[in-house]
């Protein structure tokens, strides 16, 4: 898309969000299809929605091609691993998955 719209002076920024404190997990479904009805621990510890929005606007305004939106924590490392060693990330996530 970036290459296609570049001649029209349109810039594209890919935003990759990490955990953002919203109520999305309260409305999510659990593995058995029931409503989760509570915030997930990861989301509770995530970046505030206000900070995420400010960072998104800053990255888009700067003309960044890509931007990670979240705290620099384990989730950022997962993003890096997914890019450079996706198989390793899959194995790690399997071990952490709820039983």
PDB file of N, CA and C in Angstrom:
ATOM      1  N   UNK A   1       0.831  -1.190   0.000  1.00  0.00           N
ATOM      2  CA  UNK A   1       0.000   0.000   0.000  1.00  0.00           C
ATOM      3  C   UNK A   1       0.871   1.249   0.000  1.00  0.00           C
ATOM      4  N   UNK A   2       1.913   1.221   0.814  1.00  0.00           N
ATOM      5  CA  UNK A   2       2.794   2.391   0.903  1.00  0.00           C
ATOM      6  C   UNK A   2       3.342   2.768  -0.470  1.00  0.00           C
ATOM      7  N   UNK A   3       3.798   1.774  -1.241  1.00  0.00           N
ATOM      8  CA  UNK A   3       4.353   2.038  -2.571  1.00  0.00           C
ATOM      9  C   UNK A   3       3.282   2.532  -3.534  1.00  0.00           C
ATOM     10  N   UNK A   4       2.074   1.998  -3.411  1.00  0.00           N
ATOM     11  CA  UNK A   4       1.002   2.377  -4.324  1.00  0.00           C
ATOM     12  C   UNK A   4       0.521   3.803  -4.121  1.00  0.00           C
ATOM     13  N   UNK A   5       0.476   4.277  -2.880  1.00  0.00           N
ATOM     14  CA  UNK A   5      -0.066   5.612  -2.617  1.00  0.00           C
ATOM     15  C   UNK A   5       1.005   6.689  -2.481  1.00  0.00           C
ATOM     16  N   UNK A   6       2.250   6.285  -2.489  1.00  0.00           N
ATOM     17  CA  UNK A   6       3.340   7.249  -2.372  1.00  0.00           C
ATOM     18  C   UNK A   6       3.301   8.338  -3.447  1.00  0.00           C
ATOM     19  N   UNK A   7       3.023   8.024  -4.727  1.00  0.00           N
ATOM     20  CA  UNK A   7       2.963   9.077  -5.742  1.00  0.00           C
ATOM     21  C   UNK A   7       1.870  10.126  -5.473  1.00  0.00           C
ATOM     22  N   UNK A   8       0.891   9.773  -4.637  1.00  0.00           N
ATOM     23  CA  UNK A   8      -0.185  10.714  -4.306  1.00  0.00           C
ATOM     24  C   UNK A   8       0.124  11.487  -3.027  1.00  0.00           C
ATOM     25  N   UNK A   9       1.378  11.386  -2.569  1.00  0.00           N
ATOM     26  CA  UNK A   9       1.842  12.066  -1.358  1.00  0.00           C
ATOM     27  C   UNK A   9       1.064  11.616  -0.113  1.00  0.00           C
ATOM     28  N   UNK A  10       0.714  10.335  -0.081  1.00  0.00           N
ATOM     29  CA  UNK A  10       0.045   9.744   1.076  1.00  0.00           C
ATOM     30  C   UNK A  10       1.058   8.856   1.785  1.00  0.00           C
ATOM     31  N   UNK A  11       1.185   9.063   3.083  1.00  0.00           N
ATOM     32  CA  UNK A  11       2.105   8.251   3.881  1.00  0.00           C
ATOM     33  C   UNK A  11       1.325   7.191   4.652  1.00  0.00           C
ATOM     34  N   UNK A  12       1.950   6.043   4.858  1.00  0.00           N
ATOM     35  CA  UNK A  12       1.331   4.938   5.579  1.00  0.00           C
ATOM     36  C   UNK A  12       2.224   4.570   6.757  1.00  0.00           C
ATOM     37  N   UNK A  13       1.616   4.492   7.942  1.00  0.00           N
ATOM     38  CA  UNK A  13       2.329   4.062   9.138  1.00  0.00           C
ATOM     39  C   UNK A  13       1.649   2.809   9.665  1.00  0.00           C
ATOM     40  N   UNK A  14       2.417   1.752   9.856  1.00  0.00           N
ATOM     41  CA  UNK A  14       1.892   0.520  10.438  1.00  0.00           C
ATOM     42  C   UNK A  14       2.077   0.615  11.948  1.00  0.00           C
ATOM     43  N   UNK A  15       0.973   0.567  12.680  1.00  0.00           N
ATOM     44  CA  UNK A  15       1.007   0.627  14.137  1.00  0.00           C
ATOM     45  C   UNK A  15       0.808  -0.778  14.695  1.00  0.00           C
ATOM     46  N   UNK A  16       1.728  -1.210  15.536  1.00  0.00           N
ATOM     47  CA  UNK A  16       1.636  -2.523  16.169  1.00  0.00           C
ATOM     48  C   UNK A  16       1.396  -2.300  17.655  1.00  0.00           C
ATOM     49  N   UNK A  17       0.150  -2.466  18.098  1.00  0.00           N
ATOM     50  CA  UNK A  17      -0.138  -2.208  19.513  1.00  0.00           C
ATOM     51  C   UNK A  17       0.233  -3.381  20.397  1.00  0.00           C
ATOM     52  N   UNK A  18       0.723  -3.050  21.576  1.00  0.00           N
ATOM     53  CA  UNK A  18       0.939  -4.045  22.623  1.00  0.00           C
ATOM     54  C   UNK A  18      -0.293  -4.051  23.509  1.00  0.00           C
ATOM     55  N   UNK A  19      -0.104  -4.337  24.783  1.00  0.00           N
ATOM     56  CA  UNK A  19      -1.226  -4.318  25.716  1.00  0.00           C
ATOM     57  C   UNK A  19      -1.576  -2.876  26.055  1.00  0.00           C
ATOM     58  N   UNK A  20      -2.820  -2.511  25.791  1.00  0.00           N
ATOM     59  CA  UNK A  20      -3.335  -1.173  26.075  1.00  0.00           C
ATOM     60  C   UNK A  20      -4.485  -1.339  27.063  1.00  0.00           C
ATOM     61  N   UNK A  21      -4.481  -0.539  28.126  1.00  0.00           N
ATOM     62  CA  UNK A  21      -5.530  -0.658  29.152  1.00  0.00           C
ATOM     63  C   UNK A  21      -6.873  -0.179  28.605  1.00  0.00           C
ATOM     64  N   UNK A  22      -7.670  -1.139  28.176  1.00  0.00           N
ATOM     65  CA  UNK A  22      -9.041  -0.903  27.731  1.00  0.00           C
ATOM     66  C   UNK A  22      -9.899  -2.008  28.338  1.00  0.00           C
ATOM     67  N   UNK A  23     -11.192  -1.988  28.067  1.00  0.00           N
ATOM     68  CA  UNK A  23     -12.060  -3.040  28.597  1.00  0.00           C
ATOM     69  C   UNK A  23     -12.291  -4.154  27.576  1.00  0.00           C
ATOM     70  N   UNK A  24     -11.416  -4.284  26.602  1.00  0.00           N
ATOM     71  CA  UNK A  24     -11.595  -5.292  25.555  1.00  0.00           C
ATOM     72  C   UNK A  24     -11.658  -6.708  26.124  1.00  0.00           C
ATOM     73  N   UNK A  25     -10.837  -7.027  27.121  1.00  0.00           N
ATOM     74  CA  UNK A  25     -10.855  -8.397  27.645  1.00  0.00           C
ATOM     75  C   UNK A  25     -12.119  -8.681  28.449  1.00  0.00           C
ATOM     76  N   UNK A  26     -12.760  -7.652  28.977  1.00  0.00           N
ATOM     77  CA  UNK A  26     -14.011  -7.861  29.704  1.00  0.00           C
ATOM     78  C   UNK A  26     -15.108  -8.372  28.770  1.00  0.00           C
ATOM     79  N   UNK A  27     -15.000  -8.047  27.498  1.00  0.00           N
ATOM     80  CA  UNK A  27     -15.993  -8.465  26.511  1.00  0.00           C
ATOM     81  C   UNK A  27     -15.523  -9.655  25.676  1.00  0.00           C
ATOM     82  N   UNK A  28     -14.341 -10.160  25.980  1.00  0.00           N
ATOM     83  CA  UNK A  28     -13.777 -11.278  25.218  1.00  0.00           C
ATOM     84  C   UNK A  28     -14.412 -12.598  25.657  1.00  0.00           C
ATOM     85  N   UNK A  29     -14.264 -13.588  24.800  1.00  0.00           N
ATOM     86  CA  UNK A  29     -14.746 -14.930  25.122  1.00  0.00           C
ATOM     87  C   UNK A  29     -13.580 -15.799  25.568  1.00  0.00           C
ATOM     88  N   UNK A  30     -13.830 -16.656  26.539  1.00  0.00           N
ATOM     89  CA  UNK A  30     -12.806 -17.580  27.001  1.00  0.00           C
ATOM     90  C   UNK A  30     -12.764 -18.786  26.064  1.00  0.00           C
ATOM     91  N   UNK A  31     -11.873 -19.716  26.317  1.00  0.00           N
ATOM     92  CA  UNK A  31     -11.696 -20.885  25.458  1.00  0.00           C
ATOM     93  C   UNK A  31     -12.951 -21.722  25.296  1.00  0.00           C
ATOM     94  N   UNK A  32     -13.816 -21.740  26.318  1.00  0.00           N
ATOM     95  CA  UNK A  32     -15.038 -22.545  26.215  1.00  0.00           C
ATOM     96  C   UNK A  32     -16.236 -21.751  25.686  1.00  0.00           C
ATOM     97  N   UNK A  33     -16.005 -20.501  25.289  1.00  0.00           N
ATOM     98  CA  UNK A  33     -17.059 -19.692  24.688  1.00  0.00           C
ATOM     99  C   UNK A  33     -17.838 -18.823  25.659  1.00  0.00           C
ATOM    100  N   UNK A  34     -17.534 -18.924  26.961  1.00  0.00           N
ATOM    101  CA  UNK A  34     -18.222 -18.062  27.924  1.00  0.00           C
ATOM    102  C   UNK A  34     -17.551 -16.698  27.961  1.00  0.00           C
ATOM    103  N   UNK A  35     -18.304 -15.697  28.406  1.00  0.00           N
ATOM    104  CA  UNK A  35     -17.790 -14.332  28.498  1.00  0.00           C
ATOM    105  C   UNK A  35     -16.740 -14.272  29.602  1.00  0.00           C
ATOM    106  N   UNK A  36     -15.574 -13.705  29.289  1.00  0.00           N
ATOM    107  CA  UNK A  36     -14.495 -13.600  30.274  1.00  0.00           C
ATOM    108  C   UNK A  36     -14.930 -12.695  31.428  1.00  0.00           C
ATOM    109  N   UNK A  37     -15.515 -11.552  31.100  1.00  0.00           N
ATOM    110  CA  UNK A  37     -16.115 -10.689  32.111  1.00  0.00           C
ATOM    111  C   UNK A  37     -15.177 -10.020  33.088  1.00  0.00           C
ATOM    112  N   UNK A  38     -13.881 -10.045  32.835  1.00  0.00           N
ATOM    113  CA  UNK A  38     -12.926  -9.381  33.723  1.00  0.00           C
ATOM    114  C   UNK A  38     -11.713  -8.966  32.913  1.00  0.00           C
ATOM    115  N   UNK A  39     -11.000  -7.960  33.391  1.00  0.00           N
ATOM    116  CA  UNK A  39      -9.801  -7.541  32.658  1.00  0.00           C
ATOM    117  C   UNK A  39      -8.697  -8.583  32.778  1.00  0.00           C
ATOM    118  N   UNK A  40      -7.937  -8.761  31.713  1.00  0.00           N
ATOM    119  CA  UNK A  40      -6.800  -9.671  31.787  1.00  0.00           C
ATOM    120  C   UNK A  40      -5.659  -8.972  32.524  1.00  0.00           C
ATOM    121  N   UNK A  41      -4.820  -9.757  33.155  1.00  0.00           N
ATOM    122  CA  UNK A  41      -3.695  -9.199  33.918  1.00  0.00           C
ATOM    123  C   UNK A  41      -2.756  -8.412  33.000  1.00  0.00           C
ATOM    124  N   UNK A  42      -2.498  -8.965  31.802  1.00  0.00           N
ATOM    125  CA  UNK A  42      -1.597  -8.285  30.869  1.00  0.00           C
ATOM    126  C   UNK A  42      -2.142  -6.916  30.470  1.00  0.00           C
ATOM    127  N   UNK A  43      -3.436  -6.853  30.205  1.00  0.00           N
ATOM    128  CA  UNK A  43      -4.037  -5.578  29.794  1.00  0.00           C
ATOM    129  C   UNK A  43      -4.052  -4.592  30.963  1.00  0.00           C
ATOM    130  N   UNK A  44      -4.341  -5.066  32.161  1.00  0.00           N
ATOM    131  CA  UNK A  44      -4.320  -4.179  33.336  1.00  0.00           C
ATOM    132  C   UNK A  44      -2.956  -3.529  33.527  1.00  0.00           C
ATOM    133  N   UNK A  45      -1.877  -4.239  33.145  1.00  0.00           N
ATOM    134  CA  UNK A  45      -0.521  -3.720  33.303  1.00  0.00           C
ATOM    135  C   UNK A  45      -0.034  -2.968  32.069  1.00  0.00           C
ATOM    136  N   UNK A  46      -0.889  -2.870  31.067  1.00  0.00           N
ATOM    137  CA  UNK A  46      -0.497  -2.251  29.802  1.00  0.00           C
ATOM    138  C   UNK A  46      -0.434  -0.739  29.841  1.00  0.00           C
ATOM    139  N   UNK A  47      -0.137  -0.197  28.690  1.00  0.00           N
ATOM    140  CA  UNK A  47      -0.041   1.250  28.509  1.00  0.00           C
ATOM    141  C   UNK A  47      -1.431   1.868  28.596  1.00  0.00           C
ATOM    142  N   UNK A  48      -1.540   3.044  29.199  1.00  0.00           N
ATOM    143  CA  UNK A  48      -2.852   3.696  29.261  1.00  0.00           C
ATOM    144  C   UNK A  48      -3.291   4.079  27.851  1.00  0.00           C
ATOM    145  N   UNK A  49      -4.590   4.115  27.636  1.00  0.00           N
ATOM    146  CA  UNK A  49      -5.130   4.461  26.320  1.00  0.00           C
ATOM    147  C   UNK A  49      -4.711   5.873  25.903  1.00  0.00           C
ATOM    148  N   UNK A  50      -4.660   6.806  26.859  1.00  0.00           N
ATOM    149  CA  UNK A  50      -4.241   8.179  26.548  1.00  0.00           C
ATOM    150  C   UNK A  50      -2.804   8.221  26.039  1.00  0.00           C
ATOM    151  N   UNK A  51      -1.906   7.513  26.737  1.00  0.00           N
ATOM    152  CA  UNK A  51      -0.507   7.487  26.312  1.00  0.00           C
ATOM    153  C   UNK A  51      -0.363   6.799  24.953  1.00  0.00           C
ATOM    154  N   UNK A  52      -1.136   5.735  24.750  1.00  0.00           N
ATOM    155  CA  UNK A  52      -1.081   5.024  23.466  1.00  0.00           C
ATOM    156  C   UNK A  52      -1.514   5.953  22.336  1.00  0.00           C
ATOM    157  N   UNK A  53      -2.590   6.688  22.540  1.00  0.00           N
ATOM    158  CA  UNK A  53      -3.090   7.594  21.506  1.00  0.00           C
ATOM    159  C   UNK A  53      -2.061   8.685  21.198  1.00  0.00           C
ATOM    160  N   UNK A  54      -1.454   9.243  22.238  1.00  0.00           N
ATOM    161  CA  UNK A  54      -0.432  10.289  22.012  1.00  0.00           C
ATOM    162  C   UNK A  54       0.758   9.732  21.240  1.00  0.00           C
ATOM    163  N   UNK A  55       1.173   8.516  21.586  1.00  0.00           N
ATOM    164  CA  UNK A  55       2.312   7.911  20.890  1.00  0.00           C
ATOM    165  C   UNK A  55       1.954   7.635  19.432  1.00  0.00           C
ATOM    166  N   UNK A  56       0.740   7.156  19.176  1.00  0.00           N
ATOM    167  CA  UNK A  56       0.312   6.917  17.799  1.00  0.00           C
ATOM    168  C   UNK A  56       0.361   8.202  16.981  1.00  0.00           C
ATOM    169  N   UNK A  57      -0.191   9.270  17.530  1.00  0.00           N
ATOM    170  CA  UNK A  57      -0.196  10.549  16.810  1.00  0.00           C
ATOM    171  C   UNK A  57       1.220  11.052  16.558  1.00  0.00           C
ATOM    172  N   UNK A  58       2.089  10.893  17.550  1.00  0.00           N
ATOM    173  CA  UNK A  58       3.489  11.325  17.400  1.00  0.00           C
ATOM    174  C   UNK A  58       4.181  10.533  16.294  1.00  0.00           C
ATOM    175  N   UNK A  59       3.995   9.217  16.279  1.00  0.00           N
ATOM    176  CA  UNK A  59       4.644   8.367  15.270  1.00  0.00           C
ATOM    177  C   UNK A  59       4.112   8.658  13.866  1.00  0.00           C
ATOM    178  N   UNK A  60       2.814   8.813  13.742  1.00  0.00           N
ATOM    179  CA  UNK A  60       2.227   9.132  12.436  1.00  0.00           C
ATOM    180  C   UNK A  60       2.708  10.499  11.973  1.00  0.00           C
ATOM    181  N   UNK A  61       2.718  11.466  12.889  1.00  0.00           N
ATOM    182  CA  UNK A  61       3.165  12.821  12.550  1.00  0.00           C
ATOM    183  C   UNK A  61       4.621  12.890  12.132  1.00  0.00           C
ATOM    184  N   UNK A  62       5.432  11.980  12.669  1.00  0.00           N
ATOM    185  CA  UNK A  62       6.859  11.986  12.325  1.00  0.00           C
ATOM    186  C   UNK A  62       7.133  11.285  10.992  1.00  0.00           C
ATOM    187  N   UNK A  63       6.105  10.634  10.436  1.00  0.00           N
ATOM    188  CA  UNK A  63       6.290   9.934   9.166  1.00  0.00           C
ATOM    189  C   UNK A  63       6.913   8.561   9.304  1.00  0.00           C
ATOM    190  N   UNK A  64       6.831   7.983  10.511  1.00  0.00           N
ATOM    191  CA  UNK A  64       7.415   6.656  10.735  1.00  0.00           C
ATOM    192  C   UNK A  64       6.750   5.619   9.831  1.00  0.00           C
ATOM    193  N   UNK A  65       7.529   4.681   9.336  1.00  0.00           N
ATOM    194  CA  UNK A  65       6.969   3.581   8.550  1.00  0.00           C
ATOM    195  C   UNK A  65       6.260   2.572   9.442  1.00  0.00           C
ATOM    196  N   UNK A  66       6.854   2.271  10.598  1.00  0.00           N
ATOM    197  CA  UNK A  66       6.293   1.320  11.547  1.00  0.00           C
ATOM    198  C   UNK A  66       6.514   1.843  12.954  1.00  0.00           C
ATOM    199  N   UNK A  67       5.603   1.509  13.857  1.00  0.00           N
ATOM    200  CA  UNK A  67       5.774   1.917  15.247  1.00  0.00           C
ATOM    201  C   UNK A  67       5.119   0.899  16.171  1.00  0.00           C
ATOM    202  N   UNK A  68       5.843   0.530  17.226  1.00  0.00           N
ATOM    203  CA  UNK A  68       5.296  -0.318  18.271  1.00  0.00           C
ATOM    204  C   UNK A  68       4.665   0.598  19.307  1.00  0.00           C
ATOM    205  N   UNK A  69       3.426   0.328  19.695  1.00  0.00           N
ATOM    206  CA  UNK A  69       2.717   1.152  20.666  1.00  0.00           C
ATOM    207  C   UNK A  69       2.493   0.312  21.920  1.00  0.00           C
ATOM    208  N   UNK A  70       3.247   0.566  22.946  1.00  0.00           N
ATOM    209  CA  UNK A  70       3.117  -0.172  24.198  1.00  0.00           C
ATOM    210  C   UNK A  70       4.347   0.023  25.048  1.00  0.00           C
ATOM    211  N   UNK A  71       4.372  -0.689  26.152  1.00  0.00           N
ATOM    212  CA  UNK A  71       5.526  -0.624  27.044  1.00  0.00           C
ATOM    213  C   UNK A  71       6.649  -1.470  26.477  1.00  0.00           C
ATOM    214  N   UNK A  72       7.869  -1.101  26.760  1.00  0.00           N
ATOM    215  CA  UNK A  72       9.033  -1.876  26.330  1.00  0.00           C
ATOM    216  C   UNK A  72       9.247  -2.989  27.351  1.00  0.00           C
ATOM    217  N   UNK A  73       8.538  -4.055  27.159  1.00  0.00           N
ATOM    218  CA  UNK A  73       8.592  -5.157  28.113  1.00  0.00           C
ATOM    219  C   UNK A  73       8.606  -6.475  27.352  1.00  0.00           C
ATOM    220  N   UNK A  74       8.104  -7.524  27.982  1.00  0.00           N
ATOM    221  CA  UNK A  74       8.078  -8.838  27.355  1.00  0.00           C
ATOM    222  C   UNK A  74       7.332  -8.844  26.037  1.00  0.00           C
ATOM    223  N   UNK A  75       6.289  -8.040  25.940  1.00  0.00           N
ATOM    224  CA  UNK A  75       5.531  -8.015  24.686  1.00  0.00           C
ATOM    225  C   UNK A  75       6.366  -7.452  23.539  1.00  0.00           C
ATOM    226  N   UNK A  76       7.236  -6.503  23.830  1.00  0.00           N
ATOM    227  CA  UNK A  76       8.113  -5.958  22.789  1.00  0.00           C
ATOM    228  C   UNK A  76       9.106  -7.019  22.349  1.00  0.00           C
ATOM    229  N   UNK A  77       9.617  -7.782  23.319  1.00  0.00           N
ATOM    230  CA  UNK A  77      10.549  -8.851  22.978  1.00  0.00           C
ATOM    231  C   UNK A  77       9.855  -9.915  22.128  1.00  0.00           C
ATOM    232  N   UNK A  78       8.578 -10.181  22.409  1.00  0.00           N
ATOM    233  CA  UNK A  78       7.811 -11.141  21.601  1.00  0.00           C
ATOM    234  C   UNK A  78       7.690 -10.645  20.168  1.00  0.00           C
ATOM    235  N   UNK A  79       7.504  -9.351  19.997  1.00  0.00           N
ATOM    236  CA  UNK A  79       7.410  -8.766  18.660  1.00  0.00           C
ATOM    237  C   UNK A  79       8.725  -8.961  17.899  1.00  0.00           C
ATOM    238  N   UNK A  80       9.837  -8.710  18.565  1.00  0.00           N
ATOM    239  CA  UNK A  80      11.155  -8.885  17.946  1.00  0.00           C
ATOM    240  C   UNK A  80      11.384 -10.361  17.614  1.00  0.00           C
ATOM    241  N   UNK A  81      11.064 -11.245  18.558  1.00  0.00           N
ATOM    242  CA  UNK A  81      11.222 -12.677  18.310  1.00  0.00           C
ATOM    243  C   UNK A  81      10.355 -13.146  17.146  1.00  0.00           C
ATOM    244  N   UNK A  82       9.134 -12.647  17.077  1.00  0.00           N
ATOM    245  CA  UNK A  82       8.237 -13.041  15.995  1.00  0.00           C
ATOM    246  C   UNK A  82       8.808 -12.648  14.635  1.00  0.00           C
ATOM    247  N   UNK A  83       9.511 -11.551  14.600  1.00  0.00           N
ATOM    248  CA  UNK A  83      10.084 -11.097  13.340  1.00  0.00           C
ATOM    249  C   UNK A  83      11.312 -11.911  12.944  1.00  0.00           C
ATOM    250  N   UNK A  84      12.171 -12.253  13.928  1.00  0.00           N
ATOM    251  CA  UNK A  84      13.447 -12.874  13.620  1.00  0.00           C
ATOM    252  C   UNK A  84      13.521 -14.374  13.913  1.00  0.00           C
ATOM    253  N   UNK A  85      12.666 -14.869  14.827  1.00  0.00           N
ATOM    254  CA  UNK A  85      12.688 -16.297  15.168  1.00  0.00           C
ATOM    255  C   UNK A  85      11.269 -16.753  15.528  1.00  0.00           C
ATOM    256  N   UNK A  86      10.362 -16.756  14.561  1.00  0.00           N
ATOM    257  CA  UNK A  86       8.960 -17.048  14.866  1.00  0.00           C
ATOM    258  C   UNK A  86       8.737 -18.422  15.487  1.00  0.00           C
ATOM    259  N   UNK A  87       9.492 -19.422  15.073  1.00  0.00           N
ATOM    260  CA  UNK A  87       9.345 -20.755  15.650  1.00  0.00           C
ATOM    261  C   UNK A  87       9.645 -20.776  17.136  1.00  0.00           C
ATOM    262  N   UNK A  88      10.665 -20.041  17.547  1.00  0.00           N
ATOM    263  CA  UNK A  88      11.023 -19.966  18.954  1.00  0.00           C
ATOM    264  C   UNK A  88       9.888 -19.329  19.759  1.00  0.00           C
ATOM    265  N   UNK A  89       9.298 -18.272  19.211  1.00  0.00           N
ATOM    266  CA  UNK A  89       8.194 -17.607  19.903  1.00  0.00           C
ATOM    267  C   UNK A  89       7.008 -18.565  20.067  1.00  0.00           C
ATOM    268  N   UNK A  90       6.686 -19.319  19.039  1.00  0.00           N
ATOM    269  CA  UNK A  90       5.568 -20.267  19.112  1.00  0.00           C
ATOM    270  C   UNK A  90       5.812 -21.274  20.233  1.00  0.00           C
ATOM    271  N   UNK A  91       7.017 -21.792  20.329  1.00  0.00           N
ATOM    272  CA  UNK A  91       7.333 -22.753  21.394  1.00  0.00           C
ATOM    273  C   UNK A  91       7.200 -22.114  22.778  1.00  0.00           C
ATOM    274  N   UNK A  92       7.646 -20.885  22.908  1.00  0.00           N
ATOM    275  CA  UNK A  92       7.563 -20.195  24.201  1.00  0.00           C
ATOM    276  C   UNK A  92       6.106 -19.935  24.594  1.00  0.00           C
ATOM    277  N   UNK A  93       5.298 -19.517  23.639  1.00  0.00           N
ATOM    278  CA  UNK A  93       3.894 -19.213  23.919  1.00  0.00           C
ATOM    279  C   UNK A  93       3.132 -20.482  24.291  1.00  0.00           C
ATOM    280  N   UNK A  94       3.436 -21.580  23.634  1.00  0.00           N
ATOM    281  CA  UNK A  94       2.783 -22.857  23.970  1.00  0.00           C
ATOM    282  C   UNK A  94       2.976 -23.211  25.440  1.00  0.00           C
ATOM    283  N   UNK A  95       4.178 -22.975  25.948  1.00  0.00           N
ATOM    284  CA  UNK A  95       4.475 -23.289  27.351  1.00  0.00           C
ATOM    285  C   UNK A  95       3.698 -22.392  28.310  1.00  0.00           C
ATOM    286  N   UNK A  96       3.383 -21.181  27.876  1.00  0.00           N
ATOM    287  CA  UNK A  96       2.699 -20.210  28.731  1.00  0.00           C
ATOM    288  C   UNK A  96       1.184 -20.312  28.625  1.00  0.00           C
ATOM    289  N   UNK A  97       0.681 -20.978  27.620  1.00  0.00           N
ATOM    290  CA  UNK A  97      -0.757 -21.060  27.381  1.00  0.00           C
ATOM    291  C   UNK A  97      -1.475 -21.734  28.550  1.00  0.00           C
ATOM    292  N   UNK A  98      -2.679 -21.240  28.886  1.00  0.00           N
ATOM    293  CA  UNK A  98      -3.433 -21.894  29.962  1.00  0.00           C
ATOM    294  C   UNK A  98      -3.764 -23.335  29.628  1.00  0.00           C
ATOM    295  N   UNK A  99      -3.754 -24.173  30.622  1.00  0.00           N
ATOM    296  CA  UNK A  99      -4.044 -25.606  30.419  1.00  0.00           C
ATOM    297  C   UNK A  99      -5.513 -25.867  30.632  1.00  0.00           C
TER     298      UNK A  99
END
